[in-house]
């Protein structure tokens, strides 16, 4: 069987979009041309790859297997092109990174500038995604590296732990809770909250916890950064749960008080994910090393007694 790379890219788009029309538009093809290309793929494969339905298409079992191999071929082709470009003096690499909210907002802006300075011929495509979607993205080849926090399904992936994230409650120094050293999250739900935007990993995490408790957050406003949250909290608009690093950065300037949560879920193990058994370009491995070294610190005990590295 011989498959054209354009056809493989089209098939991946069809699987992602669930519709030939949208996939054709993304590949700059007419619907008729896209349909003909998919039919040619099926003829070469000898089996149907798609179920055609009124509202779109979905993969047959053979289509699922074909998608896996199509992504693998496209990934290897991209890696081959990147390596050949090195010999031609062009762009050395393109690294696709999917990361959760804390990584995108809190520590990658500090880490990536020195990395990019040390690797001037490498470009990075950084996307903020929910943890579960990050793992799927790395597994399916849509990302080269994934940065997650908490429990995720890492089947088929190599997961490297690099730090432990701790969530804390932040309130204004004038807030009734400001004098408390510790508190259970459930005991804060009567108060107004400041939250992250609806698509953020942290907000989705807290939403699952409040669903388990059976009481929703009383959200006054949702924002796009932890620093913006802290400004609102310092102004007395509400309270919020943020990573300890964000709280520590804003405590003095925003007139905030930090309160330790007694809930065990406040601890979230951070890991970087890559596909199991797949050789990474040197610059990708260099980013993983930089990430681990940035958080490497002699173990110490936190205020709540849990040992760990840098939070």
C-alpha atoms as a PDB file:
ATOM      1  CA  UNK A   1       0.000   0.000   0.000  1.00  0.00           C
ATOM      2  CA  UNK A   2       1.198   3.501  -0.835  1.00  0.00           C
ATOM      3  CA  UNK A   3      -0.298   6.485   0.977  1.00  0.00           C
ATOM      4  CA  UNK A   4       0.151  10.151   0.148  1.00  0.00           C
ATOM      5  CA  UNK A   5       1.083  12.356   3.141  1.00  0.00           C
ATOM      6  CA  UNK A   6      -1.664  14.791   2.177  1.00  0.00           C
ATOM      7  CA  UNK A   7      -4.184  11.955   2.412  1.00  0.00           C
ATOM      8  CA  UNK A   8      -2.862  10.939   5.837  1.00  0.00           C
ATOM      9  CA  UNK A   9      -3.112  14.522   7.107  1.00  0.00           C
ATOM     10  CA  UNK A  10      -6.639  14.738   5.749  1.00  0.00           C
ATOM     11  CA  UNK A  11      -7.658  11.517   7.470  1.00  0.00           C
ATOM     12  CA  UNK A  12      -6.284  12.765  10.809  1.00  0.00           C
ATOM     13  CA  UNK A  13      -8.273  15.987  10.362  1.00  0.00           C
ATOM     14  CA  UNK A  14     -11.432  13.996   9.584  1.00  0.00           C
ATOM     15  CA  UNK A  15     -10.964  11.949  12.767  1.00  0.00           C
ATOM     16  CA  UNK A  16     -10.413  15.097  14.858  1.00  0.00           C
ATOM     17  CA  UNK A  17     -13.320  17.068  13.363  1.00  0.00           C
ATOM     18  CA  UNK A  18     -15.825  14.222  12.972  1.00  0.00           C
ATOM     19  CA  UNK A  19     -16.932  15.775   9.696  1.00  0.00           C
ATOM     20  CA  UNK A  20     -15.548  15.726   6.151  1.00  0.00           C
ATOM     21  CA  UNK A  21     -16.663  19.311   5.482  1.00  0.00           C
ATOM     22  CA  UNK A  22     -14.670  20.864   8.340  1.00  0.00           C
ATOM     23  CA  UNK A  23     -11.681  18.612   7.670  1.00  0.00           C
ATOM     24  CA  UNK A  24     -11.656  19.589   3.990  1.00  0.00           C
ATOM     25  CA  UNK A  25     -11.758  23.287   4.907  1.00  0.00           C
ATOM     26  CA  UNK A  26      -8.814  22.903   7.300  1.00  0.00           C
ATOM     27  CA  UNK A  27      -6.810  21.161   4.562  1.00  0.00           C
ATOM     28  CA  UNK A  28      -7.859  23.745   1.930  1.00  0.00           C
ATOM     29  CA  UNK A  29      -9.610  21.114  -0.178  1.00  0.00           C
ATOM     30  CA  UNK A  30     -13.056  21.035  -1.720  1.00  0.00           C
ATOM     31  CA  UNK A  31     -15.522  18.622  -0.148  1.00  0.00           C
ATOM     32  CA  UNK A  32     -15.585  16.543  -3.353  1.00  0.00           C
ATOM     33  CA  UNK A  33     -11.776  16.292  -3.437  1.00  0.00           C
ATOM     34  CA  UNK A  34     -11.600  15.372   0.243  1.00  0.00           C
ATOM     35  CA  UNK A  35     -14.289  12.709  -0.133  1.00  0.00           C
ATOM     36  CA  UNK A  36     -12.494  11.205  -3.143  1.00  0.00           C
ATOM     37  CA  UNK A  37      -9.200  11.068  -1.249  1.00  0.00           C
ATOM     38  CA  UNK A  38     -10.785   9.288   1.717  1.00  0.00           C
ATOM     39  CA  UNK A  39     -12.464   6.759  -0.588  1.00  0.00           C
ATOM     40  CA  UNK A  40      -9.073   6.101  -2.212  1.00  0.00           C
ATOM     41  CA  UNK A  41      -7.579   5.443   1.221  1.00  0.00           C
ATOM     42  CA  UNK A  42     -10.341   2.958   1.985  1.00  0.00           C
ATOM     43  CA  UNK A  43      -9.849   1.208  -1.356  1.00  0.00           C
ATOM     44  CA  UNK A  44      -6.116   0.844  -0.683  1.00  0.00           C
ATOM     45  CA  UNK A  45      -6.772  -0.338   2.890  1.00  0.00           C
ATOM     46  CA  UNK A  46      -9.348  -2.843   1.650  1.00  0.00           C
ATOM     47  CA  UNK A  47     -11.778  -2.056   4.493  1.00  0.00           C
ATOM     48  CA  UNK A  48     -14.107   0.839   5.437  1.00  0.00           C
ATOM     49  CA  UNK A  49     -12.360   3.364   7.659  1.00  0.00           C
ATOM     50  CA  UNK A  50     -15.349   5.596   8.401  1.00  0.00           C
ATOM     51  CA  UNK A  51     -19.012   5.225   9.284  1.00  0.00           C
ATOM     52  CA  UNK A  52     -20.944   7.878   7.307  1.00  0.00           C
ATOM     53  CA  UNK A  53     -23.814   9.236   9.431  1.00  0.00           C
ATOM     54  CA  UNK A  54     -26.312  12.073   9.141  1.00  0.00           C
ATOM     55  CA  UNK A  55     -24.384  14.332  11.525  1.00  0.00           C
ATOM     56  CA  UNK A  56     -20.887  13.502  10.349  1.00  0.00           C
ATOM     57  CA  UNK A  57     -18.504  10.569  10.376  1.00  0.00           C
ATOM     58  CA  UNK A  58     -16.887   8.342  12.993  1.00  0.00           C
ATOM     59  CA  UNK A  59     -14.096   5.823  12.825  1.00  0.00           C
ATOM     60  CA  UNK A  60     -14.621   2.128  12.246  1.00  0.00           C
ATOM     61  CA  UNK A  61     -12.365  -0.210  14.276  1.00  0.00           C
ATOM     62  CA  UNK A  62     -10.088  -0.373  11.248  1.00  0.00           C
ATOM     63  CA  UNK A  63     -10.188   3.423  11.093  1.00  0.00           C
ATOM     64  CA  UNK A  64      -9.001   3.691  14.697  1.00  0.00           C
ATOM     65  CA  UNK A  65      -5.988   1.517  13.868  1.00  0.00           C
ATOM     66  CA  UNK A  66      -5.346   3.479  10.673  1.00  0.00           C
ATOM     67  CA  UNK A  67      -5.461   6.768  12.607  1.00  0.00           C
ATOM     68  CA  UNK A  68      -2.836   5.527  15.074  1.00  0.00           C
ATOM     69  CA  UNK A  69      -0.426   4.579  12.292  1.00  0.00           C
ATOM     70  CA  UNK A  70      -1.184   7.694  10.231  1.00  0.00           C
ATOM     71  CA  UNK A  71      -0.207   9.892  13.168  1.00  0.00           C
ATOM     72  CA  UNK A  72       2.951   7.858  13.639  1.00  0.00           C
ATOM     73  CA  UNK A  73       3.969   8.263   9.999  1.00  0.00           C
ATOM     74  CA  UNK A  74       3.305  12.013  10.077  1.00  0.00           C
ATOM     75  CA  UNK A  75       5.219  12.385  13.337  1.00  0.00           C
ATOM     76  CA  UNK A  76       8.244  10.517  11.963  1.00  0.00           C
ATOM     77  CA  UNK A  77       8.112  12.550   8.751  1.00  0.00           C
ATOM     78  CA  UNK A  78       8.124  15.799  10.740  1.00  0.00           C
ATOM     79  CA  UNK A  79      11.087  14.606  12.812  1.00  0.00           C
ATOM     80  CA  UNK A  80      12.966  13.602   9.643  1.00  0.00           C
ATOM     81  CA  UNK A  81      12.308  17.033   8.118  1.00  0.00           C
ATOM     82  CA  UNK A  82      13.532  18.786  11.274  1.00  0.00           C
ATOM     83  CA  UNK A  83      16.736  16.766  11.374  1.00  0.00           C
ATOM     84  CA  UNK A  84      17.450  17.380   7.687  1.00  0.00           C
ATOM     85  CA  UNK A  85      16.926  21.106   8.199  1.00  0.00           C
ATOM     86  CA  UNK A  86      19.784  21.077  10.673  1.00  0.00           C
ATOM     87  CA  UNK A  87      22.124  20.060   7.864  1.00  0.00           C
ATOM     88  CA  UNK A  88      20.752  22.824   5.682  1.00  0.00           C
ATOM     89  CA  UNK A  89      21.226  25.523   8.296  1.00  0.00           C
ATOM     90  CA  UNK A  90      17.505  26.170   8.647  1.00  0.00           C
ATOM     91  CA  UNK A  91      15.177  25.734  11.607  1.00  0.00           C
ATOM     92  CA  UNK A  92      16.530  22.975  13.830  1.00  0.00           C
ATOM     93  CA  UNK A  93      13.349  22.006  15.576  1.00  0.00           C
ATOM     94  CA  UNK A  94       9.724  22.677  16.434  1.00  0.00           C
ATOM     95  CA  UNK A  95       8.541  21.555  19.865  1.00  0.00           C
ATOM     96  CA  UNK A  96       4.830  21.187  20.614  1.00  0.00           C
ATOM     97  CA  UNK A  97       4.110  21.498  24.329  1.00  0.00           C
ATOM     98  CA  UNK A  98       0.736  21.124  26.025  1.00  0.00           C
ATOM     99  CA  UNK A  99       0.598  22.194  29.674  1.00  0.00           C
ATOM    100  CA  UNK A 100      -1.871  22.854  32.447  1.00  0.00           C
ATOM    101  CA  UNK A 101      -2.831  26.311  33.719  1.00  0.00           C
ATOM    102  CA  UNK A 102      -0.251  26.523  36.508  1.00  0.00           C
ATOM    103  CA  UNK A 103       2.594  25.634  34.160  1.00  0.00           C
ATOM    104  CA  UNK A 104       1.507  28.096  31.469  1.00  0.00           C
ATOM    105  CA  UNK A 105       0.841  30.941  33.912  1.00  0.00           C
ATOM    106  CA  UNK A 106       3.322  30.375  36.687  1.00  0.00           C
ATOM    107  CA  UNK A 107       6.681  28.831  35.819  1.00  0.00           C
ATOM    108  CA  UNK A 108       7.047  28.302  32.056  1.00  0.00           C
ATOM    109  CA  UNK A 109       7.262  32.094  31.448  1.00  0.00           C
ATOM    110  CA  UNK A 110      10.362  32.003  33.665  1.00  0.00           C
ATOM    111  CA  UNK A 111      11.862  28.834  32.162  1.00  0.00           C
ATOM    112  CA  UNK A 112      11.294  29.268  28.434  1.00  0.00           C
ATOM    113  CA  UNK A 113      13.239  32.501  27.764  1.00  0.00           C
ATOM    114  CA  UNK A 114      16.628  31.029  28.818  1.00  0.00           C
ATOM    115  CA  UNK A 115      15.805  27.790  26.990  1.00  0.00           C
ATOM    116  CA  UNK A 116      14.980  29.632  23.770  1.00  0.00           C
ATOM    117  CA  UNK A 117      18.109  31.765  24.126  1.00  0.00           C
ATOM    118  CA  UNK A 118      20.193  28.596  24.459  1.00  0.00           C
ATOM    119  CA  UNK A 119      18.391  27.025  21.464  1.00  0.00           C
ATOM    120  CA  UNK A 120      17.942  29.876  18.952  1.00  0.00           C
ATOM    121  CA  UNK A 121      16.899  27.532  16.134  1.00  0.00           C
ATOM    122  CA  UNK A 122      14.046  25.890  18.066  1.00  0.00           C
ATOM    123  CA  UNK A 123      10.452  27.127  18.026  1.00  0.00           C
ATOM    124  CA  UNK A 124       7.876  26.189  20.694  1.00  0.00           C
ATOM    125  CA  UNK A 125       4.125  25.882  20.226  1.00  0.00           C
ATOM    126  CA  UNK A 126       2.742  26.138  23.798  1.00  0.00           C
ATOM    127  CA  UNK A 127      -0.932  25.379  24.412  1.00  0.00           C
ATOM    128  CA  UNK A 128      -2.886  25.400  27.656  1.00  0.00           C
ATOM    129  CA  UNK A 129      -5.007  22.246  27.979  1.00  0.00           C
ATOM    130  CA  UNK A 130      -6.794  20.244  30.723  1.00  0.00           C
ATOM    131  CA  UNK A 131      -4.685  17.460  32.256  1.00  0.00           C
ATOM    132  CA  UNK A 132      -6.591  14.550  30.703  1.00  0.00           C
ATOM    133  CA  UNK A 133      -6.515  16.174  27.264  1.00  0.00           C
ATOM    134  CA  UNK A 134      -2.753  16.741  27.598  1.00  0.00           C
ATOM    135  CA  UNK A 135      -2.133  13.034  28.170  1.00  0.00           C
ATOM    136  CA  UNK A 136      -4.292  12.159  25.143  1.00  0.00           C
ATOM    137  CA  UNK A 137      -2.532  14.790  23.050  1.00  0.00           C
ATOM    138  CA  UNK A 138       0.915  13.356  23.791  1.00  0.00           C
ATOM    139  CA  UNK A 139      -0.284   9.787  23.281  1.00  0.00           C
ATOM    140  CA  UNK A 140      -1.922  10.659  19.935  1.00  0.00           C
ATOM    141  CA  UNK A 141       1.054  12.651  18.683  1.00  0.00           C
ATOM    142  CA  UNK A 142      -0.567  16.095  18.812  1.00  0.00           C
ATOM    143  CA  UNK A 143       2.051  17.170  21.379  1.00  0.00           C
ATOM    144  CA  UNK A 144       5.683  16.198  21.894  1.00  0.00           C
ATOM    145  CA  UNK A 145       5.723  17.028  25.607  1.00  0.00           C
ATOM    146  CA  UNK A 146       2.941  17.366  28.154  1.00  0.00           C
ATOM    147  CA  UNK A 147       3.117  19.005  31.581  1.00  0.00           C
ATOM    148  CA  UNK A 148       0.414  17.872  34.007  1.00  0.00           C
ATOM    149  CA  UNK A 149      -0.442  17.992  37.697  1.00  0.00           C
ATOM    150  CA  UNK A 150      -2.367  15.380  39.674  1.00  0.00           C
ATOM    151  CA  UNK A 151      -3.637  11.985  38.613  1.00  0.00           C
ATOM    152  CA  UNK A 152      -3.825  11.335  34.870  1.00  0.00           C
ATOM    153  CA  UNK A 153      -3.985   8.193  32.748  1.00  0.00           C
ATOM    154  CA  UNK A 154      -0.347   7.817  31.657  1.00  0.00           C
ATOM    155  CA  UNK A 155      -0.750   4.496  29.813  1.00  0.00           C
ATOM    156  CA  UNK A 156       1.700   4.364  26.909  1.00  0.00           C
ATOM    157  CA  UNK A 157       3.597   7.384  28.235  1.00  0.00           C
ATOM    158  CA  UNK A 158       6.833   7.984  30.121  1.00  0.00           C
ATOM    159  CA  UNK A 159       6.065  10.228  33.097  1.00  0.00           C
ATOM    160  CA  UNK A 160       8.899  12.111  34.805  1.00  0.00           C
ATOM    161  CA  UNK A 161       8.121  13.717  38.174  1.00  0.00           C
ATOM    162  CA  UNK A 162       9.733  17.128  38.593  1.00  0.00           C
ATOM    163  CA  UNK A 163       7.948  18.829  41.524  1.00  0.00           C
ATOM    164  CA  UNK A 164       4.931  18.898  43.821  1.00  0.00           C
ATOM    165  CA  UNK A 165       2.338  21.656  43.548  1.00  0.00           C
ATOM    166  CA  UNK A 166       0.500  22.798  46.682  1.00  0.00           C
ATOM    167  CA  UNK A 167      -2.762  24.755  46.575  1.00  0.00           C
ATOM    168  CA  UNK A 168      -3.523  27.338  49.271  1.00  0.00           C
ATOM    169  CA  UNK A 169      -6.419  29.621  50.146  1.00  0.00           C
ATOM    170  CA  UNK A 170      -5.786  33.342  49.709  1.00  0.00           C
ATOM    171  CA  UNK A 171      -7.929  36.049  51.321  1.00  0.00           C
ATOM    172  CA  UNK A 172      -7.706  39.789  51.903  1.00  0.00           C
ATOM    173  CA  UNK A 173      -6.098  40.754  55.220  1.00  0.00           C
ATOM    174  CA  UNK A 174      -9.413  42.368  56.145  1.00  0.00           C
ATOM    175  CA  UNK A 175     -11.443  39.223  55.417  1.00  0.00           C
ATOM    176  CA  UNK A 176     -13.128  37.398  58.351  1.00  0.00           C
ATOM    177  CA  UNK A 177     -11.047  34.277  57.575  1.00  0.00           C
ATOM    178  CA  UNK A 178      -7.714  36.146  57.560  1.00  0.00           C
ATOM    179  CA  UNK A 179      -6.874  35.230  61.155  1.00  0.00           C
ATOM    180  CA  UNK A 180      -7.074  31.456  60.577  1.00  0.00           C
ATOM    181  CA  UNK A 181      -3.938  29.398  59.966  1.00  0.00           C
ATOM    182  CA  UNK A 182      -5.703  26.329  58.505  1.00  0.00           C
ATOM    183  CA  UNK A 183      -9.154  25.585  57.136  1.00  0.00           C
ATOM    184  CA  UNK A 184     -11.045  22.853  55.295  1.00  0.00           C
ATOM    185  CA  UNK A 185     -12.110  23.794  51.773  1.00  0.00           C
ATOM    186  CA  UNK A 186     -15.734  22.838  52.534  1.00  0.00           C
ATOM    187  CA  UNK A 187     -15.803  25.439  55.322  1.00  0.00           C
ATOM    188  CA  UNK A 188     -15.017  28.231  52.859  1.00  0.00           C
ATOM    189  CA  UNK A 189     -17.878  27.658  50.439  1.00  0.00           C
ATOM    190  CA  UNK A 190     -20.233  30.137  52.095  1.00  0.00           C
ATOM    191  CA  UNK A 191     -17.932  32.952  50.945  1.00  0.00           C
ATOM    192  CA  UNK A 192     -17.710  34.612  47.524  1.00  0.00           C
ATOM    193  CA  UNK A 193     -14.938  33.234  45.301  1.00  0.00           C
ATOM    194  CA  UNK A 194     -12.638  34.593  42.615  1.00  0.00           C
ATOM    195  CA  UNK A 195     -11.830  31.897  40.058  1.00  0.00           C
ATOM    196  CA  UNK A 196      -9.786  31.190  36.968  1.00  0.00           C
ATOM    197  CA  UNK A 197     -11.418  31.137  33.538  1.00  0.00           C
ATOM    198  CA  UNK A 198     -13.741  28.216  32.794  1.00  0.00           C
ATOM    199  CA  UNK A 199     -11.254  26.405  30.550  1.00  0.00           C
ATOM    200  CA  UNK A 200      -8.427  26.369  33.096  1.00  0.00           C
ATOM    201  CA  UNK A 201      -7.138  23.144  34.615  1.00  0.00           C
ATOM    202  CA  UNK A 202      -7.359  24.481  38.181  1.00  0.00           C
ATOM    203  CA  UNK A 203     -10.961  25.636  37.802  1.00  0.00           C
ATOM    204  CA  UNK A 204     -11.992  22.254  36.384  1.00  0.00           C
ATOM    205  CA  UNK A 205     -10.188  20.572  39.295  1.00  0.00           C
ATOM    206  CA  UNK A 206     -12.028  22.663  41.903  1.00  0.00           C
ATOM    207  CA  UNK A 207     -15.343  22.104  40.107  1.00  0.00           C
ATOM    208  CA  UNK A 208     -14.943  18.324  40.448  1.00  0.00           C
ATOM    209  CA  UNK A 209     -14.216  18.735  44.157  1.00  0.00           C
ATOM    210  CA  UNK A 210     -17.255  20.939  44.787  1.00  0.00           C
ATOM    211  CA  UNK A 211     -19.418  18.457  42.884  1.00  0.00           C
ATOM    212  CA  UNK A 212     -18.233  15.722  45.251  1.00  0.00           C
ATOM    213  CA  UNK A 213     -19.029  17.957  48.240  1.00  0.00           C
ATOM    214  CA  UNK A 214     -22.427  18.823  46.768  1.00  0.00           C
ATOM    215  CA  UNK A 215     -22.004  22.598  47.109  1.00  0.00           C
ATOM    216  CA  UNK A 216     -20.982  24.906  44.235  1.00  0.00           C
ATOM    217  CA  UNK A 217     -18.494  27.762  44.345  1.00  0.00           C
ATOM    218  CA  UNK A 218     -20.113  31.197  44.627  1.00  0.00           C
ATOM    219  CA  UNK A 219     -18.075  32.709  41.797  1.00  0.00           C
ATOM    220  CA  UNK A 220     -18.117  36.518  41.560  1.00  0.00           C
ATOM    221  CA  UNK A 221     -15.729  36.722  38.625  1.00  0.00           C
ATOM    222  CA  UNK A 222     -13.398  34.464  36.616  1.00  0.00           C
ATOM    223  CA  UNK A 223     -10.057  35.747  35.360  1.00  0.00           C
ATOM    224  CA  UNK A 224      -7.228  34.687  33.072  1.00  0.00           C
ATOM    225  CA  UNK A 225      -4.245  34.744  35.474  1.00  0.00           C
ATOM    226  CA  UNK A 226      -3.356  34.015  39.092  1.00  0.00           C
ATOM    227  CA  UNK A 227      -1.920  37.514  39.546  1.00  0.00           C
ATOM    228  CA  UNK A 228      -5.217  39.049  38.398  1.00  0.00           C
ATOM    229  CA  UNK A 229      -7.032  36.785  40.874  1.00  0.00           C
ATOM    230  CA  UNK A 230      -4.774  37.973  43.686  1.00  0.00           C
ATOM    231  CA  UNK A 231      -5.445  41.625  42.835  1.00  0.00           C
ATOM    232  CA  UNK A 232      -9.192  41.036  43.040  1.00  0.00           C
ATOM    233  CA  UNK A 233      -8.825  39.089  46.287  1.00  0.00           C
ATOM    234  CA  UNK A 234      -6.659  41.831  47.788  1.00  0.00           C
ATOM    235  CA  UNK A 235      -9.370  44.356  46.895  1.00  0.00           C
ATOM    236  CA  UNK A 236     -11.860  42.362  48.987  1.00  0.00           C
ATOM    237  CA  UNK A 237     -14.025  41.081  46.114  1.00  0.00           C
ATOM    238  CA  UNK A 238     -13.759  37.448  47.236  1.00  0.00           C
ATOM    239  CA  UNK A 239     -11.386  34.634  48.213  1.00  0.00           C
ATOM    240  CA  UNK A 240      -9.573  32.125  46.026  1.00  0.00           C
ATOM    241  CA  UNK A 241      -7.514  28.941  45.762  1.00  0.00           C
ATOM    242  CA  UNK A 242      -4.193  29.403  43.965  1.00  0.00           C
ATOM    243  CA  UNK A 243      -0.827  27.601  43.720  1.00  0.00           C
ATOM    244  CA  UNK A 244       1.466  28.407  46.628  1.00  0.00           C
ATOM    245  CA  UNK A 245       4.009  30.029  44.296  1.00  0.00           C
ATOM    246  CA  UNK A 246       1.394  32.535  43.057  1.00  0.00           C
ATOM    247  CA  UNK A 247       0.321  33.300  46.620  1.00  0.00           C
ATOM    248  CA  UNK A 248       3.897  33.812  47.780  1.00  0.00           C
ATOM    249  CA  UNK A 249       4.621  36.140  44.853  1.00  0.00           C
ATOM    250  CA  UNK A 250       1.662  38.418  45.652  1.00  0.00           C
ATOM    251  CA  UNK A 251       1.335  38.290  49.457  1.00  0.00           C
ATOM    252  CA  UNK A 252       3.127  41.538  50.286  1.00  0.00           C
ATOM    253  CA  UNK A 253       2.142  43.728  47.332  1.00  0.00           C
ATOM    254  CA  UNK A 254      -1.544  42.722  47.316  1.00  0.00           C
ATOM    255  CA  UNK A 255      -2.040  42.762  51.131  1.00  0.00           C
ATOM    256  CA  UNK A 256      -3.097  39.122  51.195  1.00  0.00           C
ATOM    257  CA  UNK A 257      -3.271  36.435  53.859  1.00  0.00           C
ATOM    258  CA  UNK A 258      -2.419  32.818  53.021  1.00  0.00           C
ATOM    259  CA  UNK A 259      -4.313  30.014  54.763  1.00  0.00           C
ATOM    260  CA  UNK A 260      -3.293  26.355  54.621  1.00  0.00           C
ATOM    261  CA  UNK A 261      -5.968  23.964  53.358  1.00  0.00           C
ATOM    262  CA  UNK A 262      -6.368  20.793  55.433  1.00  0.00           C
ATOM    263  CA  UNK A 263      -7.611  18.789  52.411  1.00  0.00           C
ATOM    264  CA  UNK A 264      -5.236  16.134  51.089  1.00  0.00           C
ATOM    265  CA  UNK A 265      -6.136  16.969  47.465  1.00  0.00           C
ATOM    266  CA  UNK A 266      -4.227  20.257  47.803  1.00  0.00           C
ATOM    267  CA  UNK A 267      -1.086  18.277  46.862  1.00  0.00           C
ATOM    268  CA  UNK A 268      -0.648  17.679  43.127  1.00  0.00           C
ATOM    269  CA  UNK A 269       2.338  15.825  41.701  1.00  0.00           C
ATOM    270  CA  UNK A 270       3.714  17.531  38.603  1.00  0.00           C
ATOM    271  CA  UNK A 271       4.985  15.366  35.749  1.00  0.00           C
ATOM    272  CA  UNK A 272       6.244  15.829  32.220  1.00  0.00           C
ATOM    273  CA  UNK A 273       4.860  13.282  29.740  1.00  0.00           C
ATOM    274  CA  UNK A 274       6.397  11.910  26.546  1.00  0.00           C
ATOM    275  CA  UNK A 275       5.531   8.891  24.420  1.00  0.00           C
ATOM    276  CA  UNK A 276       6.954   5.642  25.793  1.00  0.00           C
ATOM    277  CA  UNK A 277       9.888   4.229  23.846  1.00  0.00           C
ATOM    278  CA  UNK A 278      10.140   7.120  21.418  1.00  0.00           C
ATOM    279  CA  UNK A 279      13.487   8.876  20.951  1.00  0.00           C
ATOM    280  CA  UNK A 280      13.190  12.616  21.490  1.00  0.00           C
ATOM    281  CA  UNK A 281      15.286  15.282  19.745  1.00  0.00           C
ATOM    282  CA  UNK A 282      18.114  16.602  21.901  1.00  0.00           C
ATOM    283  CA  UNK A 283      16.412  19.971  22.426  1.00  0.00           C
ATOM    284  CA  UNK A 284      13.277  18.257  23.808  1.00  0.00           C
ATOM    285  CA  UNK A 285      15.355  16.277  26.298  1.00  0.00           C
ATOM    286  CA  UNK A 286      17.156  19.523  27.186  1.00  0.00           C
ATOM    287  CA  UNK A 287      13.846  21.154  28.130  1.00  0.00           C
ATOM    288  CA  UNK A 288      12.951  18.217  30.392  1.00  0.00           C
ATOM    289  CA  UNK A 289      16.353  18.464  32.093  1.00  0.00           C
ATOM    290  CA  UNK A 290      15.910  22.213  32.568  1.00  0.00           C
ATOM    291  CA  UNK A 291      12.473  21.657  34.065  1.00  0.00           C
ATOM    292  CA  UNK A 292      13.752  19.095  36.569  1.00  0.00           C
ATOM    293  CA  UNK A 293      16.811  21.140  37.521  1.00  0.00           C
ATOM    294  CA  UNK A 294      14.724  24.269  38.068  1.00  0.00           C
ATOM    295  CA  UNK A 295      12.687  22.533  40.750  1.00  0.00           C
ATOM    296  CA  UNK A 296      15.511  20.478  42.256  1.00  0.00           C
ATOM    297  CA  UNK A 297      16.061  21.535  45.873  1.00  0.00           C
ATOM    298  CA  UNK A 298      16.970  19.740  49.138  1.00  0.00           C
ATOM    299  CA  UNK A 299      13.869  18.081  50.603  1.00  0.00           C
ATOM    300  CA  UNK A 300      12.199  19.974  53.393  1.00  0.00           C
ATOM    301  CA  UNK A 301       8.965  19.824  55.344  1.00  0.00           C
ATOM    302  CA  UNK A 302       6.114  22.109  54.443  1.00  0.00           C
ATOM    303  CA  UNK A 303       4.009  24.033  56.923  1.00  0.00           C
ATOM    304  CA  UNK A 304       1.495  21.203  56.965  1.00  0.00           C
ATOM    305  CA  UNK A 305       4.103  18.519  57.484  1.00  0.00           C
ATOM    306  CA  UNK A 306       4.322  16.877  54.059  1.00  0.00           C
ATOM    307  CA  UNK A 307       7.871  16.430  52.767  1.00  0.00           C
ATOM    308  CA  UNK A 308       8.719  17.375  49.229  1.00  0.00           C
ATOM    309  CA  UNK A 309      10.814  19.397  46.858  1.00  0.00           C
ATOM    310  CA  UNK A 310      10.237  22.898  45.661  1.00  0.00           C
ATOM    311  CA  UNK A 311       6.552  23.724  45.457  1.00  0.00           C
END
